[in-house]
């Protein structure tokens, strides 16, 4: 996506212009802000149902929470130690 879209998204979704319920938007990374803006505007253009918009907002709020908790993201991305399944799988 272009830098112009980021600038427009930042203007539209600036924390100072949003209700308190949307404070989580400030936690979105620049890339996620562009994606959120695009999805939100697409939903508005197609007259998405209230349920669709609610689902969209809840999903992006969860993304914002992860963007704001980089320590948790790093933990999630760490390689996991895998235990053998020999005792659990019938051969």
N, C-alpha and C. Protein backbone atom coordinates (compact mmCIF):
# COMPACT_ATOMS: atom_id res chain seq x y z
N UNK A 1 0.83 -1.18 0.00
CA UNK A 1 0.00 0.00 0.00
C UNK A 1 0.88 1.24 0.00
N UNK A 2 0.35 2.28 -0.52
CA UNK A 2 1.14 3.49 -0.69
C UNK A 2 1.25 4.28 0.61
N UNK A 3 2.28 5.12 0.65
CA UNK A 3 2.46 6.01 1.80
C UNK A 3 1.27 6.97 1.90
N UNK A 4 0.70 7.36 0.77
CA UNK A 4 -0.46 8.25 0.79
C UNK A 4 -1.61 7.66 1.58
N UNK A 5 -1.82 6.35 1.44
CA UNK A 5 -2.89 5.71 2.19
C UNK A 5 -2.59 5.74 3.68
N UNK A 6 -1.31 5.54 4.04
CA UNK A 6 -0.94 5.62 5.45
C UNK A 6 -1.24 7.01 6.01
N UNK A 7 -0.88 8.04 5.27
CA UNK A 7 -1.15 9.40 5.72
C UNK A 7 -2.64 9.66 5.88
N UNK A 8 -3.44 9.16 4.92
CA UNK A 8 -4.89 9.32 5.03
C UNK A 8 -5.44 8.54 6.21
N UNK A 9 -4.93 7.31 6.40
CA UNK A 9 -5.39 6.49 7.53
C UNK A 9 -5.05 7.16 8.85
N UNK A 10 -3.83 7.70 8.94
CA UNK A 10 -3.43 8.39 10.17
C UNK A 10 -4.31 9.60 10.43
N UNK A 11 -4.71 10.29 9.38
CA UNK A 11 -5.58 11.47 9.55
C UNK A 11 -6.98 11.05 9.97
N UNK A 12 -7.52 10.02 9.32
CA UNK A 12 -8.88 9.56 9.62
C UNK A 12 -8.96 8.94 11.00
N UNK A 13 -7.96 8.12 11.34
CA UNK A 13 -7.99 7.37 12.59
C UNK A 13 -7.05 7.94 13.64
N UNK A 14 -6.82 9.23 13.59
CA UNK A 14 -5.97 9.89 14.58
C UNK A 14 -6.61 9.75 15.95
N UNK A 15 -5.83 9.38 16.97
CA UNK A 15 -6.40 9.20 18.31
C UNK A 15 -7.20 10.39 18.80
N UNK A 16 -6.80 11.59 18.46
CA UNK A 16 -7.51 12.78 18.93
C UNK A 16 -8.91 12.90 18.33
N UNK A 17 -9.14 12.26 17.18
CA UNK A 17 -10.43 12.37 16.52
C UNK A 17 -11.37 11.20 16.80
N UNK A 18 -10.87 10.19 17.50
CA UNK A 18 -11.67 8.99 17.74
C UNK A 18 -12.30 9.00 19.13
N UNK A 19 -13.46 8.37 19.27
CA UNK A 19 -14.04 8.21 20.61
C UNK A 19 -13.12 7.34 21.48
N UNK A 20 -13.27 7.44 22.78
CA UNK A 20 -12.42 6.69 23.72
C UNK A 20 -12.49 5.18 23.46
N UNK A 21 -13.61 4.68 22.97
CA UNK A 21 -13.76 3.25 22.70
C UNK A 21 -12.78 2.75 21.63
N UNK A 22 -12.24 3.67 20.86
CA UNK A 22 -11.31 3.31 19.79
C UNK A 22 -9.87 3.69 20.11
N UNK A 23 -9.56 3.87 21.37
CA UNK A 23 -8.19 4.22 21.78
C UNK A 23 -7.19 3.17 21.32
N UNK A 24 -7.63 1.94 21.16
CA UNK A 24 -6.75 0.84 20.75
C UNK A 24 -6.13 1.08 19.36
N UNK A 25 -6.76 1.91 18.53
CA UNK A 25 -6.23 2.18 17.19
C UNK A 25 -4.80 2.74 17.28
N UNK A 26 -4.50 3.48 18.33
CA UNK A 26 -3.17 4.07 18.49
C UNK A 26 -2.09 3.00 18.67
N UNK A 27 -2.48 1.79 19.05
CA UNK A 27 -1.51 0.71 19.25
C UNK A 27 -1.15 -0.01 17.96
N UNK A 28 -1.93 0.19 16.90
CA UNK A 28 -1.66 -0.50 15.64
C UNK A 28 -0.34 -0.04 15.03
N UNK A 29 0.42 -1.00 14.50
CA UNK A 29 1.64 -0.65 13.77
C UNK A 29 1.23 0.12 12.51
N UNK A 30 2.17 0.78 11.88
CA UNK A 30 1.87 1.54 10.67
C UNK A 30 1.26 0.64 9.60
N UNK A 31 1.82 -0.54 9.41
CA UNK A 31 1.29 -1.46 8.41
C UNK A 31 -0.12 -1.91 8.77
N UNK A 32 -0.33 -2.24 10.03
CA UNK A 32 -1.67 -2.67 10.45
C UNK A 32 -2.68 -1.53 10.37
N UNK A 33 -2.25 -0.31 10.63
CA UNK A 33 -3.15 0.84 10.50
C UNK A 33 -3.63 0.98 9.06
N UNK A 34 -2.71 0.82 8.10
CA UNK A 34 -3.10 0.88 6.68
C UNK A 34 -4.11 -0.22 6.35
N UNK A 35 -3.82 -1.44 6.81
CA UNK A 35 -4.71 -2.56 6.53
C UNK A 35 -6.08 -2.38 7.18
N UNK A 36 -6.07 -1.91 8.44
CA UNK A 36 -7.32 -1.66 9.13
C UNK A 36 -8.15 -0.61 8.40
N UNK A 37 -7.49 0.48 8.03
CA UNK A 37 -8.19 1.55 7.32
C UNK A 37 -8.81 1.03 6.04
N UNK A 38 -8.06 0.26 5.29
CA UNK A 38 -8.58 -0.30 4.04
C UNK A 38 -9.77 -1.22 4.26
N UNK A 39 -9.67 -2.11 5.25
CA UNK A 39 -10.77 -3.02 5.53
C UNK A 39 -11.99 -2.28 6.07
N UNK A 40 -11.76 -1.31 6.93
CA UNK A 40 -12.87 -0.56 7.50
C UNK A 40 -13.60 0.24 6.42
N UNK A 41 -12.84 0.90 5.57
CA UNK A 41 -13.46 1.68 4.50
C UNK A 41 -14.16 0.78 3.49
N UNK A 42 -13.59 -0.38 3.20
CA UNK A 42 -14.25 -1.33 2.30
C UNK A 42 -15.58 -1.80 2.89
N UNK A 43 -15.59 -2.05 4.19
CA UNK A 43 -16.83 -2.47 4.86
C UNK A 43 -17.88 -1.37 4.79
N UNK A 44 -17.44 -0.13 4.97
CA UNK A 44 -18.37 0.99 4.89
C UNK A 44 -18.92 1.15 3.48
N UNK A 45 -18.07 0.99 2.49
CA UNK A 45 -18.50 1.15 1.09
C UNK A 45 -19.52 0.09 0.68
N UNK A 46 -19.37 -1.12 1.22
CA UNK A 46 -20.30 -2.18 0.83
C UNK A 46 -21.49 -2.28 1.80
N UNK A 47 -21.63 -1.30 2.68
CA UNK A 47 -22.73 -1.28 3.65
C UNK A 47 -22.79 -2.58 4.45
N UNK A 48 -21.66 -2.95 5.02
CA UNK A 48 -21.56 -4.17 5.82
C UNK A 48 -22.57 -4.12 6.97
N UNK A 49 -23.01 -5.28 7.36
CA UNK A 49 -23.97 -5.37 8.47
C UNK A 49 -23.30 -4.99 9.78
N UNK A 50 -24.11 -4.70 10.78
CA UNK A 50 -23.57 -4.37 12.11
C UNK A 50 -22.72 -5.52 12.64
N UNK A 51 -23.16 -6.75 12.42
CA UNK A 51 -22.39 -7.91 12.88
C UNK A 51 -21.03 -7.98 12.20
N UNK A 52 -20.99 -7.71 10.89
CA UNK A 52 -19.72 -7.74 10.16
C UNK A 52 -18.77 -6.66 10.67
N UNK A 53 -19.30 -5.48 10.91
CA UNK A 53 -18.46 -4.38 11.40
C UNK A 53 -17.97 -4.68 12.81
N UNK A 54 -18.84 -5.23 13.64
CA UNK A 54 -18.44 -5.60 15.00
C UNK A 54 -17.32 -6.64 14.96
N UNK A 55 -17.46 -7.65 14.12
CA UNK A 55 -16.43 -8.68 13.98
C UNK A 55 -15.11 -8.08 13.49
N UNK A 56 -15.20 -7.19 12.53
CA UNK A 56 -14.01 -6.52 11.99
C UNK A 56 -13.31 -5.73 13.09
N UNK A 57 -14.07 -4.94 13.84
CA UNK A 57 -13.49 -4.12 14.90
C UNK A 57 -12.89 -4.97 16.01
N UNK A 58 -13.56 -6.05 16.38
CA UNK A 58 -13.04 -6.92 17.44
C UNK A 58 -11.73 -7.58 17.00
N UNK A 59 -11.67 -8.00 15.75
CA UNK A 59 -10.45 -8.63 15.24
C UNK A 59 -9.29 -7.63 15.23
N UNK A 60 -9.56 -6.40 14.79
CA UNK A 60 -8.50 -5.40 14.74
C UNK A 60 -8.11 -4.93 16.14
N UNK A 61 -9.05 -4.92 17.06
CA UNK A 61 -8.70 -4.56 18.44
C UNK A 61 -7.74 -5.61 19.02
N UNK A 62 -8.00 -6.89 18.73
CA UNK A 62 -7.09 -7.94 19.18
C UNK A 62 -5.70 -7.78 18.55
N UNK A 63 -5.67 -7.40 17.27
CA UNK A 63 -4.39 -7.15 16.60
C UNK A 63 -3.67 -5.99 17.26
N UNK A 64 -4.39 -4.94 17.59
CA UNK A 64 -3.80 -3.78 18.26
C UNK A 64 -3.22 -4.17 19.62
N UNK A 65 -3.93 -5.03 20.34
CA UNK A 65 -3.43 -5.48 21.64
C UNK A 65 -2.10 -6.22 21.47
N UNK A 66 -2.00 -7.04 20.42
CA UNK A 66 -0.74 -7.73 20.16
C UNK A 66 0.35 -6.75 19.72
N UNK A 67 -0.01 -5.80 18.88
CA UNK A 67 0.97 -4.78 18.46
C UNK A 67 1.49 -4.02 19.67
N UNK A 68 0.65 -3.79 20.64
CA UNK A 68 1.04 -3.05 21.84
C UNK A 68 1.77 -3.89 22.87
N UNK A 69 1.81 -5.19 22.67
CA UNK A 69 2.46 -6.11 23.63
C UNK A 69 3.55 -6.89 22.91
N UNK A 70 4.57 -6.18 22.47
CA UNK A 70 5.63 -6.82 21.69
C UNK A 70 6.33 -7.95 22.43
N UNK A 71 6.41 -7.86 23.76
CA UNK A 71 7.03 -8.94 24.52
C UNK A 71 6.23 -10.24 24.36
N UNK A 72 4.91 -10.13 24.32
CA UNK A 72 4.07 -11.31 24.11
C UNK A 72 4.24 -11.84 22.69
N UNK A 73 4.34 -10.96 21.72
CA UNK A 73 4.54 -11.37 20.32
C UNK A 73 5.86 -12.11 20.19
N UNK A 74 6.91 -11.60 20.80
CA UNK A 74 8.21 -12.25 20.74
C UNK A 74 8.14 -13.64 21.36
N UNK A 75 7.41 -13.78 22.45
CA UNK A 75 7.26 -15.08 23.10
C UNK A 75 6.50 -16.05 22.20
N UNK A 76 5.48 -15.57 21.54
CA UNK A 76 4.70 -16.42 20.63
C UNK A 76 5.56 -16.88 19.46
N UNK A 77 6.44 -16.04 18.98
CA UNK A 77 7.27 -16.35 17.81
C UNK A 77 8.47 -17.23 18.12
N UNK A 78 8.81 -17.41 19.40
CA UNK A 78 9.95 -18.24 19.76
C UNK A 78 9.72 -19.67 19.29
N UNK A 79 10.80 -20.32 18.84
CA UNK A 79 10.65 -21.74 18.48
C UNK A 79 10.19 -22.53 19.70
N UNK A 80 9.33 -23.47 19.46
CA UNK A 80 8.77 -24.29 20.54
C UNK A 80 9.51 -25.62 20.63
N UNK A 81 9.64 -26.11 21.82
CA UNK A 81 10.22 -27.43 22.02
C UNK A 81 9.11 -28.45 21.79
N UNK A 82 9.31 -29.33 20.86
CA UNK A 82 8.30 -30.33 20.52
C UNK A 82 8.58 -31.62 21.26
N UNK A 83 7.56 -32.16 21.87
CA UNK A 83 7.69 -33.45 22.54
C UNK A 83 7.33 -34.56 21.57
N UNK A 84 8.01 -35.69 21.66
CA UNK A 84 7.68 -36.79 20.77
C UNK A 84 6.27 -37.30 21.05
N UNK A 85 5.60 -37.71 20.01
CA UNK A 85 4.24 -38.21 20.13
C UNK A 85 4.17 -39.74 20.21
N UNK A 86 5.31 -40.38 20.37
CA UNK A 86 5.36 -41.84 20.33
C UNK A 86 4.37 -42.49 21.29
N UNK A 87 4.24 -41.96 22.46
CA UNK A 87 3.33 -42.56 23.43
C UNK A 87 1.87 -42.25 23.17
N UNK A 88 1.58 -41.32 22.28
CA UNK A 88 0.21 -40.89 22.03
C UNK A 88 -0.37 -41.40 20.71
N UNK A 89 0.50 -41.82 19.81
CA UNK A 89 0.05 -42.22 18.47
C UNK A 89 0.21 -43.73 18.32
N UNK A 90 -0.85 -44.37 17.86
CA UNK A 90 -0.77 -45.82 17.61
C UNK A 90 -0.04 -46.07 16.31
N UNK A 91 0.88 -46.98 16.33
CA UNK A 91 1.64 -47.29 15.12
C UNK A 91 1.02 -48.42 14.35
